[in-house]
């Protein structure tokens, strides 16, 4: 019985978290976010497009290159000692 309840909690918990996130976003969009200092601080903000767009593009490009490297030649970055057959009579 405990295992069934544990499974039920792990099955339902993501839906509860997703629902709470949706409610949080709904309230955030209705009231708007608030600055606790109460000052307009536009001078220390970074615009999204030039900086974060190129940063994300660079990250996706690096991930794509690593995926291609893994799919085309998976043993390229491996240690050569991994290809030595195991010998039970000789210990390292």
N, C-alpha and C. Protein backbone atom coordinates (compact mmCIF):
# COMPACT_ATOMS: atom_id res chain seq x y z
N UNK A 1 0.82 -1.19 0.00
CA UNK A 1 0.00 0.00 0.00
C UNK A 1 0.86 1.25 0.00
N UNK A 2 1.98 1.22 0.72
CA UNK A 2 2.84 2.40 0.78
C UNK A 2 3.49 2.66 -0.58
N UNK A 3 3.86 1.59 -1.28
CA UNK A 3 4.47 1.76 -2.59
C UNK A 3 3.48 2.35 -3.59
N UNK A 4 2.22 1.95 -3.49
CA UNK A 4 1.19 2.50 -4.37
C UNK A 4 0.98 3.98 -4.09
N UNK A 5 0.94 4.37 -2.82
CA UNK A 5 0.79 5.78 -2.48
C UNK A 5 2.01 6.58 -2.93
N UNK A 6 3.19 6.01 -2.77
CA UNK A 6 4.42 6.67 -3.20
C UNK A 6 4.41 6.90 -4.71
N UNK A 7 3.98 5.88 -5.47
CA UNK A 7 3.88 6.02 -6.92
C UNK A 7 2.84 7.07 -7.28
N UNK A 8 1.71 7.09 -6.58
CA UNK A 8 0.66 8.05 -6.86
C UNK A 8 1.15 9.48 -6.63
N UNK A 9 1.90 9.69 -5.54
CA UNK A 9 2.44 11.02 -5.26
C UNK A 9 3.41 11.44 -6.36
N UNK A 10 4.27 10.52 -6.80
CA UNK A 10 5.24 10.86 -7.84
C UNK A 10 4.57 11.04 -9.19
N UNK A 11 3.42 10.46 -9.39
CA UNK A 11 2.70 10.65 -10.65
C UNK A 11 1.95 11.98 -10.65
N UNK A 12 1.35 12.34 -9.53
CA UNK A 12 0.50 13.53 -9.46
C UNK A 12 1.31 14.80 -9.19
N UNK A 13 2.47 14.69 -8.54
CA UNK A 13 3.25 15.86 -8.16
C UNK A 13 3.63 16.76 -9.34
N UNK A 14 4.07 16.25 -10.50
CA UNK A 14 4.37 17.17 -11.61
C UNK A 14 3.15 17.96 -12.08
N UNK A 15 1.97 17.36 -12.05
CA UNK A 15 0.77 18.08 -12.45
C UNK A 15 0.44 19.19 -11.45
N UNK A 16 0.65 18.92 -10.17
CA UNK A 16 0.41 19.94 -9.14
C UNK A 16 1.40 21.09 -9.30
N UNK A 17 2.67 20.76 -9.53
CA UNK A 17 3.68 21.80 -9.71
C UNK A 17 3.40 22.61 -10.97
N UNK A 18 2.99 21.95 -12.05
CA UNK A 18 2.65 22.68 -13.28
C UNK A 18 1.46 23.60 -13.05
N UNK A 19 0.46 23.13 -12.34
CA UNK A 19 -0.71 23.97 -12.05
C UNK A 19 -0.34 25.17 -11.20
N UNK A 20 0.48 24.95 -10.18
CA UNK A 20 0.90 26.07 -9.34
C UNK A 20 1.75 27.08 -10.13
N UNK A 21 2.55 26.59 -11.06
CA UNK A 21 3.33 27.49 -11.91
C UNK A 21 2.42 28.33 -12.79
N UNK A 22 1.39 27.70 -13.36
CA UNK A 22 0.43 28.44 -14.19
C UNK A 22 -0.29 29.51 -13.37
N UNK A 23 -0.70 29.16 -12.16
CA UNK A 23 -1.38 30.13 -11.30
C UNK A 23 -0.42 31.28 -10.95
N UNK A 24 0.84 30.95 -10.67
CA UNK A 24 1.83 31.97 -10.36
C UNK A 24 2.01 32.92 -11.55
N UNK A 25 2.12 32.38 -12.76
CA UNK A 25 2.27 33.22 -13.94
C UNK A 25 1.03 34.06 -14.19
N UNK A 26 -0.14 33.50 -13.93
CA UNK A 26 -1.38 34.26 -14.10
C UNK A 26 -1.40 35.46 -13.16
N UNK A 27 -1.07 35.24 -11.89
CA UNK A 27 -1.04 36.36 -10.94
C UNK A 27 0.06 37.36 -11.29
N UNK A 28 1.19 36.87 -11.77
CA UNK A 28 2.28 37.77 -12.13
C UNK A 28 1.89 38.65 -13.30
N UNK A 29 1.19 38.10 -14.29
CA UNK A 29 0.78 38.89 -15.45
C UNK A 29 -0.35 39.84 -15.11
N UNK A 30 -1.17 39.51 -14.15
CA UNK A 30 -2.26 40.41 -13.77
C UNK A 30 -1.73 41.62 -13.02
N UNK A 31 -0.86 41.41 -12.05
CA UNK A 31 -0.40 42.52 -11.21
C UNK A 31 0.89 43.13 -11.71
N UNK A 32 1.68 42.41 -12.45
CA UNK A 32 2.99 42.90 -12.88
C UNK A 32 4.02 42.64 -11.80
N UNK A 33 5.27 42.63 -12.21
CA UNK A 33 6.30 42.37 -11.20
C UNK A 33 6.63 43.67 -10.48
N UNK A 34 7.20 43.55 -9.32
CA UNK A 34 7.41 44.69 -8.46
C UNK A 34 8.90 44.82 -8.15
N UNK A 35 9.37 46.04 -8.09
CA UNK A 35 10.75 46.31 -7.72
C UNK A 35 10.78 46.64 -6.23
N UNK A 36 11.44 45.84 -5.40
CA UNK A 36 11.41 46.10 -3.96
C UNK A 36 12.13 47.39 -3.57
N UNK A 37 13.07 47.88 -4.39
CA UNK A 37 13.76 49.12 -4.06
C UNK A 37 12.91 50.34 -4.39
N UNK A 38 11.99 50.22 -5.33
CA UNK A 38 11.12 51.33 -5.70
C UNK A 38 11.78 52.34 -6.60
N UNK A 39 12.95 52.01 -7.15
CA UNK A 39 13.65 52.94 -8.04
C UNK A 39 13.64 52.38 -9.45
N UNK A 40 13.64 53.25 -10.42
CA UNK A 40 13.70 52.83 -11.81
C UNK A 40 15.15 52.53 -12.15
N UNK A 41 15.44 51.30 -12.45
CA UNK A 41 16.83 50.90 -12.68
C UNK A 41 17.00 50.39 -14.11
N UNK A 42 16.83 51.26 -15.08
CA UNK A 42 17.00 50.86 -16.47
C UNK A 42 18.47 50.86 -16.89
N UNK A 43 19.34 51.49 -16.12
CA UNK A 43 20.72 51.62 -16.54
C UNK A 43 21.52 50.33 -16.42
N UNK A 44 21.12 49.40 -15.58
CA UNK A 44 21.90 48.18 -15.39
C UNK A 44 21.29 46.97 -16.07
N UNK A 45 20.40 47.18 -17.01
CA UNK A 45 19.76 46.06 -17.71
C UNK A 45 20.47 45.78 -19.02
N UNK A 46 20.52 44.52 -19.39
CA UNK A 46 21.13 44.10 -20.65
C UNK A 46 20.00 43.76 -21.61
N UNK A 47 20.03 44.29 -22.83
CA UNK A 47 18.97 43.93 -23.79
C UNK A 47 19.07 42.45 -24.17
N UNK A 48 17.93 41.85 -24.42
CA UNK A 48 17.90 40.41 -24.66
C UNK A 48 18.52 40.03 -25.99
N UNK A 49 18.14 40.75 -27.06
CA UNK A 49 18.48 40.26 -28.40
C UNK A 49 19.96 40.14 -28.70
N UNK A 50 20.77 41.16 -28.62
CA UNK A 50 22.13 40.89 -29.09
C UNK A 50 22.91 39.97 -28.17
N UNK A 51 22.74 40.10 -26.86
CA UNK A 51 23.59 39.32 -25.97
C UNK A 51 23.10 37.89 -25.79
N UNK A 52 21.88 37.74 -25.31
CA UNK A 52 21.39 36.40 -24.98
C UNK A 52 21.06 35.58 -26.22
N UNK A 53 20.66 36.23 -27.30
CA UNK A 53 20.37 35.48 -28.53
C UNK A 53 21.65 34.83 -29.06
N UNK A 54 22.74 35.60 -29.11
CA UNK A 54 23.99 35.02 -29.59
C UNK A 54 24.55 34.00 -28.61
N UNK A 55 24.34 34.23 -27.34
CA UNK A 55 24.80 33.27 -26.33
C UNK A 55 24.05 31.94 -26.48
N UNK A 56 22.73 32.01 -26.67
CA UNK A 56 21.95 30.79 -26.87
C UNK A 56 22.32 30.11 -28.18
N UNK A 57 22.53 30.90 -29.24
CA UNK A 57 22.92 30.34 -30.53
C UNK A 57 24.27 29.63 -30.41
N UNK A 58 25.21 30.23 -29.71
CA UNK A 58 26.52 29.60 -29.51
C UNK A 58 26.39 28.30 -28.70
N UNK A 59 25.54 28.31 -27.68
CA UNK A 59 25.34 27.10 -26.88
C UNK A 59 24.72 25.97 -27.69
N UNK A 60 23.70 26.30 -28.51
CA UNK A 60 23.08 25.28 -29.35
C UNK A 60 24.06 24.78 -30.41
N UNK A 61 24.91 25.66 -30.93
CA UNK A 61 25.90 25.24 -31.91
C UNK A 61 26.91 24.28 -31.29
N UNK A 62 27.38 24.59 -30.08
CA UNK A 62 28.32 23.69 -29.40
C UNK A 62 27.67 22.34 -29.09
N UNK A 63 26.42 22.37 -28.65
CA UNK A 63 25.70 21.13 -28.37
C UNK A 63 25.53 20.31 -29.64
N UNK A 64 25.21 20.97 -30.76
CA UNK A 64 25.05 20.28 -32.04
C UNK A 64 26.37 19.66 -32.49
N UNK A 65 27.48 20.38 -32.30
CA UNK A 65 28.79 19.84 -32.68
C UNK A 65 29.13 18.62 -31.83
N UNK A 66 28.85 18.67 -30.53
CA UNK A 66 29.13 17.52 -29.66
C UNK A 66 28.24 16.32 -30.01
N UNK A 67 26.98 16.58 -30.38
CA UNK A 67 26.09 15.49 -30.79
C UNK A 67 26.60 14.86 -32.08
N UNK A 68 27.00 15.70 -33.05
CA UNK A 68 27.56 15.16 -34.29
C UNK A 68 28.82 14.35 -34.02
N UNK A 69 29.69 14.85 -33.16
CA UNK A 69 30.92 14.14 -32.83
C UNK A 69 30.61 12.79 -32.20
N UNK A 70 29.61 12.75 -31.34
CA UNK A 70 29.23 11.51 -30.68
C UNK A 70 28.62 10.52 -31.66
N UNK A 71 27.82 11.01 -32.59
CA UNK A 71 27.15 10.11 -33.53
C UNK A 71 28.07 9.64 -34.65
N UNK A 72 28.98 10.49 -35.11
CA UNK A 72 29.84 10.12 -36.23
C UNK A 72 31.01 9.25 -35.76
N UNK A 73 31.71 9.68 -34.71
CA UNK A 73 32.87 8.93 -34.22
C UNK A 73 32.84 8.91 -32.69
N UNK A 74 32.11 7.97 -32.11
CA UNK A 74 31.93 8.00 -30.65
C UNK A 74 33.19 7.71 -29.85
N UNK A 75 34.19 7.05 -30.42
CA UNK A 75 35.38 6.68 -29.66
C UNK A 75 36.53 7.65 -29.86
N UNK A 76 36.29 8.78 -30.50
CA UNK A 76 37.37 9.72 -30.81
C UNK A 76 38.00 10.30 -29.55
N UNK A 77 37.20 10.66 -28.57
CA UNK A 77 37.72 11.27 -27.35
C UNK A 77 37.92 10.27 -26.21
N UNK A 78 37.78 8.98 -26.51
CA UNK A 78 37.93 7.96 -25.48
C UNK A 78 39.39 7.67 -25.16
N UNK A 79 39.62 7.08 -24.02
CA UNK A 79 40.96 6.70 -23.60
C UNK A 79 41.35 5.41 -24.30
N UNK A 80 42.55 5.34 -24.88
CA UNK A 80 42.97 4.12 -25.57
C UNK A 80 43.05 2.90 -24.66
N UNK A 81 43.23 3.09 -23.37
CA UNK A 81 43.30 1.96 -22.44
C UNK A 81 41.97 1.22 -22.34
N UNK A 82 40.89 1.84 -22.74
CA UNK A 82 39.59 1.18 -22.68
C UNK A 82 39.46 0.06 -23.70
N UNK A 83 40.33 0.04 -24.70
CA UNK A 83 40.23 -0.97 -25.75
C UNK A 83 41.16 -2.16 -25.52
N UNK A 84 41.90 -2.16 -24.43
CA UNK A 84 42.75 -3.30 -24.09
C UNK A 84 41.87 -4.38 -23.49
N UNK A 85 41.93 -5.61 -24.02
CA UNK A 85 41.09 -6.68 -23.45
C UNK A 85 41.47 -6.96 -22.00
N UNK A 86 40.49 -7.30 -21.22
CA UNK A 86 40.71 -7.56 -19.79
C UNK A 86 41.47 -8.87 -19.63
N UNK A 87 42.45 -8.86 -18.75
CA UNK A 87 43.24 -10.04 -18.43
C UNK A 87 43.07 -10.31 -16.94
N UNK A 88 42.39 -11.40 -16.58
CA UNK A 88 42.17 -11.66 -15.15
C UNK A 88 43.44 -12.04 -14.39
N UNK A 89 44.52 -12.37 -15.09
CA UNK A 89 45.75 -12.77 -14.40
C UNK A 89 46.65 -11.59 -14.08
N UNK A 90 46.41 -10.44 -14.71
CA UNK A 90 47.25 -9.26 -14.49
C UNK A 90 46.39 -8.18 -13.85
N UNK A 91 46.85 -7.69 -12.71
CA UNK A 91 46.11 -6.61 -12.06
C UNK A 91 46.74 -5.28 -12.41
N UNK A 92 45.97 -4.23 -12.42
CA UNK A 92 46.56 -2.92 -12.75
C UNK A 92 47.42 -2.38 -11.63
